[in-house]
């Protein structure tokens, strides 16, 4: 093959009219340096994206957990309220308290404040 041909020789640079020698090697060296810098930057970009996504997932998980706990607490208080209300109505209908119903509509409030007797806790 002739020197300066398509492969090998002096023409192995970026374009045919390019000066051979130091200029050509400087360009290829700077390109390899840039590539060397670029690779870790890409890796760090991917890592930061992954960290961001995992932080988002962690946040979502904790939010869900908090909602679950709050829902369980609400459920417990609703069940307690229902229990106290049923207990109050059974006591009133049985007449065991003899005129405890004052007709002021505050019986339910009193029932909610009063803890259940220890022998009747479910």
Protein backbone atom coordinates (compact mmCIF):
# COMPACT_ATOMS: atom_id res chain seq x y z
CA UNK A 1 0.00 0.00 0.00
CA UNK A 2 1.14 3.53 -0.66
CA UNK A 3 2.03 5.89 2.23
CA UNK A 4 -0.78 8.34 2.89
CA UNK A 5 -3.33 5.79 1.76
CA UNK A 6 -6.63 5.08 3.43
CA UNK A 7 -5.15 2.83 6.13
CA UNK A 8 -1.75 3.26 7.69
CA UNK A 9 0.87 5.77 6.56
CA UNK A 10 0.46 9.44 7.29
CA UNK A 11 -3.21 9.71 6.41
CA UNK A 12 -4.47 7.84 9.47
CA UNK A 13 -5.74 11.07 11.09
CA UNK A 14 -9.12 12.75 11.14
CA UNK A 15 -9.17 14.08 7.58
CA UNK A 16 -6.76 13.74 4.65
CA UNK A 17 -5.48 17.34 4.61
CA UNK A 18 -4.40 17.18 8.25
CA UNK A 19 -0.72 17.75 9.02
CA UNK A 20 1.00 14.53 10.08
CA UNK A 21 3.09 14.23 13.21
CA UNK A 22 2.85 16.13 16.53
CA UNK A 23 -0.47 17.89 15.81
CA UNK A 24 -2.17 14.61 14.98
CA UNK A 25 -0.90 12.81 18.11
CA UNK A 26 -1.86 15.81 20.28
CA UNK A 27 -5.43 15.63 18.94
CA UNK A 28 -5.73 11.91 19.55
CA UNK A 29 -4.19 12.29 23.02
CA UNK A 30 -6.60 15.09 24.01
CA UNK A 31 -9.50 13.05 22.65
CA UNK A 32 -8.50 10.06 24.79
CA UNK A 33 -8.12 12.34 27.83
CA UNK A 34 -11.61 13.72 27.27
CA UNK A 35 -12.95 10.18 26.90
CA UNK A 36 -11.20 9.22 30.14
CA UNK A 37 -12.84 12.16 31.95
CA UNK A 38 -16.23 11.54 30.30
CA UNK A 39 -16.58 7.92 31.42
CA UNK A 40 -16.58 8.55 35.22
CA UNK A 41 -18.92 11.51 34.68
CA UNK A 42 -21.43 9.22 32.95
CA UNK A 43 -21.09 6.69 35.76
CA UNK A 44 -21.61 9.39 38.43
CA UNK A 45 -24.65 10.68 36.56
CA UNK A 46 -26.19 7.19 36.55
CA UNK A 47 -25.35 6.71 40.24
CA UNK A 48 -26.97 10.02 41.20
CA UNK A 49 -30.07 9.13 39.18
CA UNK A 50 -30.30 5.79 40.98
CA UNK A 51 -29.83 7.46 44.37
CA UNK A 52 -32.56 9.96 43.56
CA UNK A 53 -34.96 7.20 42.56
CA UNK A 54 -34.20 5.12 45.64
CA UNK A 55 -34.69 8.16 47.90
CA UNK A 56 -38.05 8.76 46.20
CA UNK A 57 -39.02 5.12 46.77
CA UNK A 58 -37.96 5.34 50.43
CA UNK A 59 -40.08 8.48 50.86
CA UNK A 60 -43.08 6.76 49.24
CA UNK A 61 -42.65 3.70 51.46
CA UNK A 62 -42.50 5.75 54.67
CA UNK A 63 -45.52 7.80 53.60
CA UNK A 64 -47.46 4.59 52.99
CA UNK A 65 -46.35 3.16 56.32
CA UNK A 66 -47.44 6.34 58.13
CA UNK A 67 -50.84 6.26 56.40
CA UNK A 68 -51.23 2.61 57.38
CA UNK A 69 -50.47 3.35 61.04
CA UNK A 70 -52.84 6.33 61.08
CA UNK A 71 -55.57 4.24 59.44
CA UNK A 72 -55.09 1.48 62.01
CA UNK A 73 -55.32 4.02 64.83
CA UNK A 74 -58.54 5.49 63.37
CA UNK A 75 -59.96 1.99 62.95
CA UNK A 76 -59.16 1.17 66.59
CA UNK A 77 -60.85 4.32 67.87
CA UNK A 78 -63.91 3.67 65.67
CA UNK A 79 -64.20 0.13 67.04
CA UNK A 80 -63.82 1.48 70.59
CA UNK A 81 -66.51 4.08 69.97
CA UNK A 82 -68.85 1.43 68.59
CA UNK A 83 -68.17 -0.79 71.60
CA UNK A 84 -68.83 2.02 74.10
CA UNK A 85 -72.00 3.03 72.24
CA UNK A 86 -73.34 -0.54 72.23
CA UNK A 87 -72.48 -0.92 75.91
CA UNK A 88 -74.24 2.35 76.74
CA UNK A 89 -77.36 1.37 74.83
CA UNK A 90 -77.51 -2.05 76.47
CA UNK A 91 -77.13 -0.45 79.93
CA UNK A 92 -79.87 2.09 79.12
CA UNK A 93 -82.31 -0.43 77.70
CA UNK A 94 -81.72 -2.79 80.63
CA UNK A 95 -82.64 -0.01 83.02
CA UNK A 96 -79.79 -1.04 85.30
CA UNK A 97 -78.73 2.55 85.82
CA UNK A 98 -82.17 3.77 86.82
CA UNK A 99 -82.74 7.21 85.32
CA UNK A 100 -79.15 7.81 84.30
CA UNK A 101 -80.41 9.02 80.94
CA UNK A 102 -80.94 12.71 81.63
CA UNK A 103 -82.14 13.43 78.13
CA UNK A 104 -79.47 16.04 77.62
CA UNK A 105 -77.89 14.13 74.70
CA UNK A 106 -74.55 13.90 76.45
CA UNK A 107 -74.82 10.20 77.26
CA UNK A 108 -72.70 9.23 74.27
CA UNK A 109 -69.99 11.70 75.32
CA UNK A 110 -69.96 10.23 78.82
CA UNK A 111 -69.79 6.73 77.35
CA UNK A 112 -66.79 7.67 75.19
CA UNK A 113 -64.90 9.07 78.16
CA UNK A 114 -65.53 6.03 80.35
CA UNK A 115 -63.19 3.04 79.86
CA UNK A 116 -64.92 -0.35 79.64
CA UNK A 117 -65.12 -2.48 82.82
CA UNK A 118 -62.26 -4.95 83.06
CA UNK A 119 -64.52 -8.03 82.97
CA UNK A 120 -66.19 -6.84 79.74
CA UNK A 121 -63.11 -6.03 77.67
CA UNK A 122 -63.28 -8.16 74.49
